[in-house]
Amino acid sequence: MKLSEALEQCPTELLVGGDWRPGADGRRITVHDPATAEPIASCASASEADAVAAVDAAALALPGWAATPARERSAVLRRAYELMTERADYFATLISAENGKALTDARAEVGYAAEFFRWYAEEAVRLAGTVQHAPAGGGRILVDRAPIGVAVLVTPWNYPAAMATRKIGPALAAGCAVVLKPAGETPLTALAVGALMAEAGAPAGVVNVVPAARSGAVVAAMLDRPAVRKLSFTGSTEVGRTLLRTAADRVLSTSMELGGNAPFLVLEDADPDVAVAAALLAKMRNGGEACTAANRFYVHESVADEFGARFAAAMGALRVGPGLDPGTEVGPLVNAAARTKVAELVEDAVARGAQVLTGGRAPAGRGHYYEPTVLDRVAPDSAILAEEIFGPVAPLVRFRDEADAIRLANDTEYGLVSYVCTRDLGRGLAVAGALETGMVGVNRGVVSDPAAPFGGVKQSGLGREGGHEGILEYTETKYIAADW
């Protein structure tokens, strides 16, 4: 689909209570194409008053939606899945245009995003309670699941469709009404999702979408409303800490999917073909701009030369270009600040002795590009090993024994995901058990699945999204004592 056609179809006002309307103060957000740094569209920017109106609309819609039979809620989500699948080109074009990712990545995201609607259409009718005899006798214990209430959903720019559907799907399945506050860099995709939900049959006010240039003030205004009982946030650990402090004042239920610093372990018995393929996927999915992206590569010294050479060749062969070009494999980073951070991390590593096997620079010209890069023999004190790169750069560190690799992998405040490559499945599972992360990929570079619980430990977050666990995040447990 042509970008002009996609932009013509996409709404650009706030979605509040089923109505599309401008922001109360008339402000707009300018959307830029990361491939050119040029503006391509604008949309309404919500004020605090708009945020409060969206919460009030959700609160008004909540009782009716919570009382809607699960089968009917399921049908809305199933229809949303079908609509998103039918319009994959439309959504992929919007994603690539405002985020910068290659169309192949954007199309993959649309498929992934739609699956959350399908999965939670099925989970909506499987939200069961329990009944048991009290152990001491004399009564029964009934446990029910009730919708938690109005949920505020705050999503990042790197997966503008999937991060929205991963939250909207379980919330609506559980019977909650929501207000979605997307990232300022990628508001168009979120507004398109809002329009899709209305078309799928979500009643007015059940899904509200309020992009905002002043994110902090707008989210704070929503969290201050008594009707809000849930905050789900995906983003940086730094912002997550701030939101947790804000949520604490009202003792809100929170789900936090925060930063990562994923280790990728290549043991001495790893299949080199499998290891390189998994590493390429773990590093370069979404151009490296993913919380699940492999951030630190720990490679056994006996296979480090071969792995480094083969991995660098694969990285160097990737085609860099505008995301909307059909042949592009790696698009630009989302903005100039992101590219500057990546460049500084590489420069610091090289200054400390790292060897550049491929890449290592930002191409001249327009757009926020950075070459796919592999660094070998990275020094332990390099900043690139401590910070989330969020770009197409792979730092390699050599290790001698398995215990050393596990120690290095766990030496971080983060704990979202890890990767292990080995021919011995038992060994891989043992290493996976020793790694301090919420998820582990063994001989594979992708762990995300709508049917699986996604989330981390330590400073990488609280709670889980996806799987059956995801819908439980939007419920309250109610215990009823009864005699009969």
Protein backbone atom coordinates (compact mmCIF):
# COMPACT_ATOMS: atom_id res chain seq x y z
CA MET A 1 0.00 0.00 0.00
CA LYS A 2 1.21 3.51 -0.78
CA LEU A 3 1.97 5.70 2.21
CA SER A 4 -0.36 8.42 0.93
CA GLU A 5 -3.25 5.93 0.90
CA ALA A 6 -2.47 4.70 4.41
CA LEU A 7 -2.25 8.24 5.78
CA GLU A 8 -5.54 9.13 4.13
CA GLN A 9 -7.28 6.23 5.89
CA CYS A 10 -5.73 6.80 9.31
CA PRO A 11 -7.61 8.94 11.87
CA THR A 12 -5.64 11.81 13.38
CA GLU A 13 -7.85 12.99 16.24
CA LEU A 14 -8.28 11.65 19.77
CA LEU A 15 -10.66 8.75 20.35
CA VAL A 16 -12.68 9.54 23.48
CA GLY A 17 -15.99 7.93 24.33
CA GLY A 18 -16.49 6.73 20.78
CA ASP A 19 -15.96 10.21 19.26
CA TRP A 20 -13.00 11.49 17.25
CA ARG A 21 -12.14 14.95 18.47
CA PRO A 22 -9.26 17.45 18.59
CA GLY A 23 -7.31 18.07 21.76
CA ALA A 24 -8.84 20.58 24.15
CA ASP A 25 -5.91 22.98 23.74
CA GLY A 26 -5.54 22.48 19.99
CA ARG A 27 -2.00 21.12 20.14
CA ARG A 28 -0.73 18.66 17.55
CA ILE A 29 2.02 16.05 17.39
CA THR A 30 4.16 16.06 14.26
CA VAL A 31 5.05 12.58 13.02
CA HIS A 32 8.42 12.21 11.26
CA ASP A 33 9.73 9.57 8.87
CA PRO A 34 12.99 8.26 10.40
CA ALA A 35 14.29 7.46 6.91
CA THR A 36 14.31 11.15 5.93
CA ALA A 37 13.73 13.01 9.22
CA GLU A 38 10.93 14.82 7.35
CA PRO A 39 7.38 15.29 8.72
CA ILE A 40 4.74 13.05 7.17
CA ALA A 41 1.63 13.72 9.27
CA SER A 42 0.28 15.23 12.46
CA CYS A 43 -2.30 14.17 15.01
CA ALA A 44 -4.08 15.68 17.98
CA SER A 45 -2.15 15.86 21.25
CA ALA A 46 -4.12 15.18 24.41
CA SER A 47 -4.10 17.60 27.32
CA GLU A 48 -4.72 16.68 30.95
CA ALA A 49 -8.39 17.58 30.40
CA ASP A 50 -8.59 15.17 27.46
CA ALA A 51 -6.97 12.45 29.55
CA VAL A 52 -9.52 12.91 32.32
CA ALA A 53 -12.35 12.87 29.76
CA ALA A 54 -11.02 9.58 28.36
CA VAL A 55 -10.92 7.99 31.82
CA ASP A 56 -14.43 9.22 32.54
CA ALA A 57 -15.64 7.76 29.23
CA ALA A 58 -14.03 4.42 30.09
CA ALA A 59 -15.61 4.48 33.54
CA LEU A 60 -19.02 5.13 32.00
CA ALA A 61 -18.62 2.23 29.57
CA LEU A 62 -17.14 -0.19 32.11
CA PRO A 63 -20.30 -1.57 33.80
CA GLY A 64 -21.97 -2.49 30.53
CA TRP A 65 -18.85 -4.09 29.08
CA ALA A 66 -18.09 -6.00 32.30
CA ALA A 67 -21.65 -7.37 32.22
CA THR A 68 -21.39 -8.38 28.55
CA PRO A 69 -21.29 -12.17 28.21
CA ALA A 70 -17.81 -13.54 27.66
CA ARG A 71 -18.87 -15.06 24.35
CA GLU A 72 -19.82 -11.60 23.04
CA ARG A 73 -16.57 -10.05 24.24
CA SER A 74 -14.79 -12.92 22.52
CA ALA A 75 -16.60 -12.20 19.26
CA VAL A 76 -15.41 -8.58 19.28
CA LEU A 77 -11.81 -9.65 19.75
CA ARG A 78 -12.10 -12.32 17.07
CA ARG A 79 -13.46 -9.73 14.65
CA ALA A 80 -10.55 -7.43 15.55
CA TYR A 81 -8.15 -10.26 14.68
CA GLU A 82 -9.83 -10.77 11.31
CA LEU A 83 -9.83 -7.05 10.46
CA MET A 84 -6.17 -6.58 11.37
CA THR A 85 -5.20 -9.64 9.34
CA GLU A 86 -7.18 -8.40 6.33
CA ARG A 87 -5.52 -4.97 6.57
CA ALA A 88 -1.97 -6.13 7.22
CA ASP A 89 -0.53 -3.97 4.42
CA TYR A 90 -2.23 -0.87 5.80
CA PHE A 91 -0.91 -1.38 9.31
CA ALA A 92 2.57 -2.41 8.11
CA THR A 93 2.83 0.75 6.01
CA LEU A 94 1.89 2.98 8.95
CA ILE A 95 4.33 1.17 11.26
CA SER A 96 7.22 1.37 8.82
CA ALA A 97 6.55 5.02 8.00
CA GLU A 98 6.50 6.36 11.55
CA ASN A 99 8.82 3.84 13.23
CA GLY A 100 11.35 3.29 10.43
CA LYS A 101 11.51 -0.51 10.60
CA ALA A 102 11.75 -2.57 7.43
CA LEU A 103 8.48 -3.67 5.88
CA THR A 104 9.37 -7.30 6.56
CA ASP A 105 9.64 -6.50 10.26
CA ALA A 106 6.47 -4.38 10.13
CA ARG A 107 4.48 -7.16 8.50
CA ALA A 108 5.75 -9.62 11.09
CA GLU A 109 4.65 -7.23 13.82
CA VAL A 110 1.14 -6.97 12.37
CA GLY A 111 0.80 -10.75 12.37
CA TYR A 112 2.09 -10.91 15.94
CA ALA A 113 -0.20 -8.07 17.02
CA ALA A 114 -3.29 -9.68 15.50
CA GLU A 115 -2.55 -12.95 17.29
CA PHE A 116 -3.11 -11.28 20.67
CA PHE A 117 -6.68 -10.55 19.62
CA ARG A 118 -7.20 -14.15 18.54
CA TRP A 119 -5.58 -15.62 21.66
CA TYR A 120 -7.59 -13.46 24.06
CA ALA A 121 -10.79 -14.04 22.09
CA GLU A 122 -10.24 -17.65 23.18
CA GLU A 123 -9.16 -16.79 26.72
CA ALA A 124 -12.24 -14.64 27.31
CA VAL A 125 -14.39 -17.75 27.60
CA ARG A 126 -11.87 -19.67 29.73
CA LEU A 127 -11.64 -17.31 32.71
CA ALA A 128 -12.77 -19.74 35.37
CA GLY A 129 -13.03 -19.60 39.16
CA THR A 130 -12.85 -22.46 41.65
CA VAL A 131 -15.02 -24.12 44.31
CA GLN A 132 -13.65 -26.29 47.11
CA HIS A 133 -14.54 -27.59 50.56
CA ALA A 134 -13.01 -25.66 53.43
CA PRO A 135 -10.31 -27.94 54.92
CA ALA A 136 -11.75 -27.51 58.41
CA GLY A 137 -15.23 -28.38 57.17
CA GLY A 138 -18.41 -26.40 57.66
CA GLY A 139 -18.36 -24.43 54.44
CA ARG A 140 -17.21 -23.94 50.89
CA ILE A 141 -14.57 -21.66 49.39
CA LEU A 142 -15.63 -19.96 46.17
CA VAL A 143 -13.03 -18.02 44.19
CA ASP A 144 -14.18 -15.80 41.33
CA ARG A 145 -12.42 -13.48 38.89
CA ALA A 146 -13.85 -10.00 38.35
CA PRO A 147 -12.66 -7.25 35.94
CA ILE A 148 -10.22 -5.01 37.74
CA GLY A 149 -11.77 -1.83 36.29
CA VAL A 150 -10.51 0.99 34.08
CA ALA A 151 -6.98 0.30 32.81
CA VAL A 152 -4.48 2.89 31.59
CA LEU A 153 -2.20 1.40 28.94
CA VAL A 154 1.08 3.15 28.12
CA THR A 155 2.95 1.78 25.10
CA PRO A 156 6.35 2.40 23.44
CA TRP A 157 7.31 3.29 19.87
CA ASN A 158 9.25 0.15 18.93
CA TYR A 159 6.20 -2.13 18.50
CA PRO A 160 3.34 0.37 18.13
CA ALA A 161 0.74 -2.22 17.10
CA ALA A 162 1.79 -5.29 19.09
CA MET A 163 2.32 -3.48 22.39
CA ALA A 164 -1.18 -2.02 22.05
CA THR A 165 -2.90 -5.31 21.22
CA ARG A 166 -0.93 -7.21 23.88
CA LYS A 167 -2.62 -4.97 26.46
CA ILE A 168 -6.01 -4.28 24.86
CA GLY A 169 -6.68 -7.96 24.14
CA PRO A 170 -6.52 -9.31 27.70
CA ALA A 171 -8.09 -6.19 29.21
CA LEU A 172 -11.18 -6.42 27.02
CA ALA A 173 -11.35 -10.19 27.40
CA ALA A 174 -11.48 -9.74 31.18
CA GLY A 175 -14.25 -7.13 30.92
CA CYS A 176 -12.19 -3.96 31.47
CA ALA A 177 -12.41 -0.64 29.64
CA VAL A 178 -9.14 1.01 28.63
CA VAL A 179 -7.37 4.25 27.80
CA LEU A 180 -4.38 3.78 25.50
CA LYS A 181 -1.60 6.39 25.63
CA PRO A 182 0.83 5.57 22.80
CA ALA A 183 4.35 6.92 22.29
CA GLY A 184 4.60 10.34 20.68
CA GLU A 185 6.85 8.99 17.93
CA THR A 186 4.25 6.48 16.70
CA PRO A 187 0.71 7.70 17.38
CA LEU A 188 -0.78 6.85 14.00
CA THR A 189 -0.67 3.08 14.42
CA ALA A 190 -2.38 3.37 17.82
CA LEU A 191 -5.15 5.55 16.39
CA ALA A 192 -5.63 3.01 13.60
CA VAL A 193 -5.96 0.28 16.23
CA GLY A 194 -8.58 2.37 18.02
CA ALA A 195 -10.59 2.74 14.82
CA LEU A 196 -10.30 -1.01 14.20
CA MET A 197 -11.64 -1.80 17.67
CA ALA A 198 -14.67 0.41 17.11
CA GLU A 199 -15.34 -1.30 13.78
CA ALA A 200 -14.94 -4.70 15.42
CA GLY A 201 -17.80 -3.85 17.77
CA ALA A 202 -16.21 -2.50 20.94
CA PRO A 203 -18.87 -0.18 22.45
CA ALA A 204 -18.14 3.53 22.72
CA GLY A 205 -15.80 4.28 25.60
CA VAL A 206 -14.46 0.75 25.99
CA VAL A 207 -11.32 1.66 24.00
CA ASN A 208 -10.04 5.24 24.12
CA VAL A 209 -6.82 6.46 22.47
CA VAL A 210 -5.06 9.65 23.57
CA PRO A 211 -1.62 10.40 22.04
CA ALA A 212 0.12 13.15 24.01
CA ALA A 213 3.25 15.21 23.57
CA ARG A 214 3.32 15.84 27.34
CA SER A 215 3.27 12.20 28.38
CA GLY A 216 4.18 12.60 32.03
CA ALA A 217 1.50 15.14 32.86
CA VAL A 218 -1.20 13.33 30.87
CA VAL A 219 -0.50 9.92 32.42
CA ALA A 220 -0.33 11.44 35.90
CA ALA A 221 -3.73 13.09 35.36
CA MET A 222 -5.23 9.73 34.43
CA LEU A 223 -3.69 7.87 37.34
CA ASP A 224 -5.15 10.44 39.72
CA ARG A 225 -8.71 9.55 38.72
CA PRO A 226 -10.48 7.23 41.22
CA ALA A 227 -11.94 5.12 38.42
CA VAL A 228 -8.49 3.95 37.30
CA ARG A 229 -7.51 0.67 38.96
CA LYS A 230 -4.82 -0.65 36.63
CA LEU A 231 -1.65 0.68 34.97
CA SER A 232 0.13 -1.36 32.32
CA PHE A 233 3.37 0.16 31.05
CA THR A 234 5.97 -0.96 28.53
CA GLY A 235 9.09 1.17 28.28
CA SER A 236 12.32 2.07 30.00
CA THR A 237 13.14 1.08 33.56
CA GLU A 238 13.77 4.74 34.41
CA VAL A 239 10.25 5.81 33.40
CA GLY A 240 8.82 2.66 34.98
CA ARG A 241 10.28 3.62 38.36
CA THR A 242 8.65 7.06 38.08
CA LEU A 243 5.26 5.57 37.22
CA LEU A 244 5.51 3.08 40.08
CA ARG A 245 6.02 5.97 42.51
CA THR A 246 2.99 7.74 41.03
CA ALA A 247 0.87 4.59 41.15
CA ALA A 248 1.86 3.96 44.75
CA ASP A 249 -0.08 7.02 45.92
CA ARG A 250 -3.31 5.31 44.87
CA VAL A 251 -2.15 1.73 45.43
CA LEU A 252 -2.83 0.85 41.81
CA SER A 253 -2.26 -2.59 40.36
CA THR A 254 0.68 -2.27 37.97
CA SER A 255 2.20 -4.36 35.20
CA MET A 256 5.64 -3.24 34.07
CA GLU A 257 7.58 -4.54 31.08
CA LEU A 258 10.81 -2.59 31.35
CA GLY A 259 14.35 -2.56 30.00
CA GLY A 260 16.54 -5.51 29.14
CA ASN A 261 20.21 -6.38 28.73
CA ALA A 262 19.85 -9.81 27.16
CA PRO A 263 22.87 -12.15 27.18
CA PHE A 264 23.39 -14.57 24.29
CA LEU A 265 25.55 -17.55 25.27
CA VAL A 266 27.32 -19.63 22.63
CA LEU A 267 28.71 -22.73 24.35
CA GLU A 268 31.62 -24.68 22.89
CA ASP A 269 29.37 -27.48 21.62
CA ALA A 270 26.91 -25.19 19.82
CA ASP A 271 25.99 -25.93 16.22
CA PRO A 272 27.60 -22.99 14.35
CA ASP A 273 24.80 -22.74 11.79
CA VAL A 274 22.13 -22.71 14.49
CA ALA A 275 24.09 -20.24 16.65
CA VAL A 276 24.63 -17.71 13.85
CA ALA A 277 21.03 -17.92 12.65
CA ALA A 278 19.69 -17.53 16.18
CA ALA A 279 22.10 -14.67 16.93
CA LEU A 280 21.11 -12.81 13.78
CA LEU A 281 17.43 -13.08 14.67
CA ALA A 282 17.91 -12.27 18.34
CA LYS A 283 19.99 -9.20 17.51
CA MET A 284 18.40 -7.84 14.36
CA ARG A 285 14.69 -8.47 14.76
CA ASN A 286 13.20 -5.00 14.58
CA GLY A 287 16.65 -3.64 13.70
CA GLY A 288 17.84 -4.24 17.24
CA GLU A 289 15.25 -1.85 18.70
CA ALA A 290 13.61 -4.39 20.97
CA CYS A 291 13.77 -5.07 24.70
CA THR A 292 14.31 -8.73 23.82
CA ALA A 293 17.24 -7.98 21.49
CA ALA A 294 20.46 -9.82 22.34
CA ASN A 295 22.65 -7.18 23.94
CA ARG A 296 25.76 -9.07 25.10
CA PHE A 297 27.23 -12.05 23.25
CA TYR A 298 29.28 -14.40 25.43
CA VAL A 299 31.11 -16.87 23.17
CA HIS A 300 33.36 -19.74 24.27
CA GLU A 301 36.96 -18.98 23.34
CA SER A 302 37.29 -22.22 21.36
CA VAL A 303 34.61 -21.17 18.86
CA ALA A 304 34.85 -17.38 19.11
CA ASP A 305 36.91 -16.82 15.95
CA GLU A 306 34.61 -18.90 13.75
CA PHE A 307 31.42 -17.55 15.26
CA GLY A 308 32.64 -13.95 15.06
CA ALA A 309 33.64 -14.25 11.42
CA ARG A 310 30.41 -15.94 10.34
CA PHE A 311 28.21 -13.64 12.39
CA ALA A 312 29.98 -10.54 11.06
CA ALA A 313 29.56 -11.77 7.48
CA ALA A 314 25.83 -12.28 8.04
CA MET A 315 25.43 -8.87 9.68
CA GLY A 316 27.47 -7.10 7.02
CA ALA A 317 25.35 -8.62 4.24
CA LEU A 318 22.12 -7.06 5.52
CA ARG A 319 20.70 -4.37 3.27
CA VAL A 320 20.20 -1.01 4.97
CA GLY A 321 17.68 1.46 3.59
CA PRO A 322 14.30 3.17 4.02
CA GLY A 323 11.83 0.92 5.78
CA LEU A 324 9.23 1.30 3.04
CA ASP A 325 11.61 0.08 0.32
CA PRO A 326 10.72 -3.56 -0.45
CA GLY A 327 14.34 -4.78 -0.43
CA THR A 328 15.31 -3.21 2.88
CA GLU A 329 16.32 -5.57 5.69
CA VAL A 330 17.41 -2.94 8.24
CA GLY A 331 15.70 0.42 8.43
CA PRO A 332 16.79 3.58 10.25
CA LEU A 333 16.70 4.04 14.00
CA VAL A 334 13.67 5.87 15.30
CA ASN A 335 15.30 9.29 15.78
CA ALA A 336 18.57 11.19 15.94
CA ALA A 337 18.98 10.69 19.69
CA ALA A 338 18.80 6.92 19.27
CA ARG A 339 21.49 6.95 16.60
CA THR A 340 23.72 9.21 18.68
CA LYS A 341 23.47 6.86 21.66
CA VAL A 342 24.40 3.82 19.56
CA ALA A 343 27.34 5.66 18.00
CA GLU A 344 28.64 6.74 21.41
CA LEU A 345 28.44 3.20 22.79
CA VAL A 346 30.44 1.86 19.83
CA GLU A 347 33.03 4.63 20.10
CA ASP A 348 33.51 3.92 23.80
CA ALA A 349 33.96 0.19 23.18
CA VAL A 350 36.49 0.77 20.40
CA ALA A 351 38.40 3.25 22.57
CA ARG A 352 38.70 0.48 25.18
CA GLY A 353 40.17 -1.97 22.67
CA ALA A 354 37.24 -3.60 20.87
CA GLN A 355 37.83 -4.77 17.30
CA VAL A 356 35.30 -3.82 14.62
CA LEU A 357 34.51 -6.93 12.55
CA THR A 358 31.89 -5.15 10.44
CA GLY A 359 30.08 -1.82 10.44
CA GLY A 360 30.92 0.62 13.18
CA ARG A 361 29.68 3.88 11.72
CA ALA A 362 26.65 5.97 10.82
CA PRO A 363 26.35 6.47 7.03
CA ALA A 364 26.39 10.01 5.71
CA GLY A 365 23.19 11.55 4.40
CA ARG A 366 19.60 11.90 5.52
CA GLY A 367 17.88 9.59 7.94
CA HIS A 368 18.81 8.03 11.28
CA TYR A 369 20.81 5.06 9.99
CA TYR A 370 23.52 3.03 11.66
CA GLU A 371 25.35 0.14 10.04
CA PRO A 372 24.86 -3.40 11.39
CA THR A 373 27.93 -3.80 13.57
CA VAL A 374 29.84 -6.61 15.26
CA LEU A 375 32.53 -5.83 17.85
CA ASP A 376 34.96 -8.50 19.08
CA ARG A 377 37.05 -8.66 22.26
CA VAL A 378 34.95 -6.03 24.02
CA ALA A 379 36.47 -4.94 27.34
CA PRO A 380 34.46 -5.79 30.50
CA ASP A 381 34.21 -2.13 31.55
CA SER A 382 32.73 -0.98 28.23
CA ALA A 383 29.46 0.92 28.58
CA ILE A 384 27.93 -1.13 25.78
CA LEU A 385 27.83 -4.19 28.06
CA ALA A 386 25.99 -2.32 30.83
CA GLU A 387 23.46 -0.31 28.82
CA GLU A 388 20.61 -1.40 26.57
CA ILE A 389 21.91 -0.72 23.06
CA PHE A 390 18.57 -0.56 21.21
CA GLY A 391 20.31 -0.66 17.86
CA PRO A 392 22.04 -2.97 15.33
CA VAL A 393 25.24 -3.55 17.29
CA ALA A 394 26.52 -6.87 18.70
CA PRO A 395 29.40 -6.82 21.24
CA LEU A 396 31.26 -10.14 21.61
CA VAL A 397 32.99 -11.24 24.83
CA ARG A 398 34.99 -14.47 25.10
CA PHE A 399 34.69 -16.83 28.07
CA ARG A 400 36.50 -19.99 29.20
CA ASP A 401 34.00 -22.04 31.18
CA GLU A 402 30.26 -22.33 31.63
CA ALA A 403 30.21 -21.05 35.20
CA ASP A 404 32.04 -17.92 34.06
CA ALA A 405 29.50 -17.37 31.26
CA ILE A 406 26.57 -17.70 33.64
CA ARG A 407 28.19 -15.28 36.10
CA LEU A 408 28.74 -12.71 33.34
CA ALA A 409 25.22 -13.16 32.02
CA ASN A 410 23.68 -12.57 35.46
CA ASP A 411 25.90 -9.57 36.25
CA THR A 412 23.22 -6.97 35.48
CA GLU A 413 20.27 -5.33 37.19
CA TYR A 414 18.05 -6.48 34.31
CA GLY A 415 16.46 -9.88 33.81
CA LEU A 416 14.10 -9.97 30.86
CA VAL A 417 15.38 -12.65 28.47
CA SER A 418 18.48 -14.76 27.77
CA TYR A 419 19.57 -16.99 24.91
CA VAL A 420 21.64 -20.19 24.97
CA CYS A 421 23.08 -22.20 22.09
CA THR A 422 24.26 -25.78 22.66
CA ARG A 423 23.79 -29.19 21.01
CA ASP A 424 23.02 -30.74 24.42
CA LEU A 425 19.40 -29.99 25.31
CA GLY A 426 19.86 -31.12 28.90
CA ARG A 427 22.80 -28.79 29.28
CA GLY A 428 20.84 -25.97 27.68
CA LEU A 429 17.97 -26.44 30.11
CA ALA A 430 20.37 -26.53 33.06
CA VAL A 431 21.97 -23.27 31.96
CA ALA A 432 18.52 -21.78 31.37
CA GLY A 433 17.62 -22.63 34.96
CA ALA A 434 20.70 -20.81 36.23
CA LEU A 435 20.07 -17.62 34.28
CA GLU A 436 18.28 -14.84 36.20
CA THR A 437 15.71 -13.89 33.57
CA GLY A 438 12.00 -14.30 33.08
CA MET A 439 12.43 -15.95 29.67
CA VAL A 440 15.10 -18.05 27.96
CA GLY A 441 15.49 -19.06 24.33
CA VAL A 442 17.39 -22.31 23.78
CA ASN A 443 18.83 -22.62 20.26
CA ARG A 444 16.44 -19.96 18.98
CA GLY A 445 16.48 -16.21 18.62
CA VAL A 446 12.81 -15.40 19.31
CA VAL A 447 10.85 -16.19 22.48
CA SER A 448 7.78 -13.98 22.08
CA ASP A 449 4.48 -15.81 21.63
CA PRO A 450 0.96 -14.59 22.44
CA ALA A 451 0.27 -17.93 24.13
CA ALA A 452 3.30 -17.64 26.45
CA PRO A 453 3.81 -15.46 29.56
CA PHE A 454 6.11 -12.57 28.60
CA GLY A 455 7.96 -10.67 31.32
CA GLY A 456 11.09 -10.29 33.36
CA VAL A 457 12.61 -10.32 36.81
CA LYS A 458 14.78 -7.87 38.75
CA GLN A 459 14.60 -4.38 37.18
CA SER A 460 13.03 -5.67 33.98
CA GLY A 461 9.52 -5.48 35.30
CA LEU A 462 6.52 -6.81 37.18
CA GLY A 463 3.80 -9.18 36.04
CA ARG A 464 3.34 -11.02 32.75
CA GLU A 465 1.72 -10.32 29.39
CA GLY A 466 0.53 -13.05 27.04
CA GLY A 467 -0.58 -16.55 27.90
CA HIS A 468 -3.28 -17.23 30.48
CA GLU A 469 -1.26 -15.15 32.95
CA GLY A 470 -1.88 -12.06 30.83
CA ILE A 471 -5.63 -11.99 31.37
CA LEU A 472 -5.22 -12.52 35.12
CA GLU A 473 -3.38 -9.16 35.29
CA TYR A 474 -6.71 -7.48 34.50
CA THR A 475 -8.77 -9.26 37.14
CA GLU A 476 -9.34 -9.09 40.87
CA THR A 477 -9.65 -12.30 42.86
CA LYS A 478 -12.88 -12.41 44.85
CA TYR A 479 -13.32 -15.00 47.60
CA ILE A 480 -16.82 -15.90 48.75
CA ALA A 481 -17.43 -18.04 51.85
CA ALA A 482 -20.65 -20.02 51.70
CA ASP A 483 -22.47 -22.86 53.38
CA TRP A 484 -24.67 -25.38 51.58
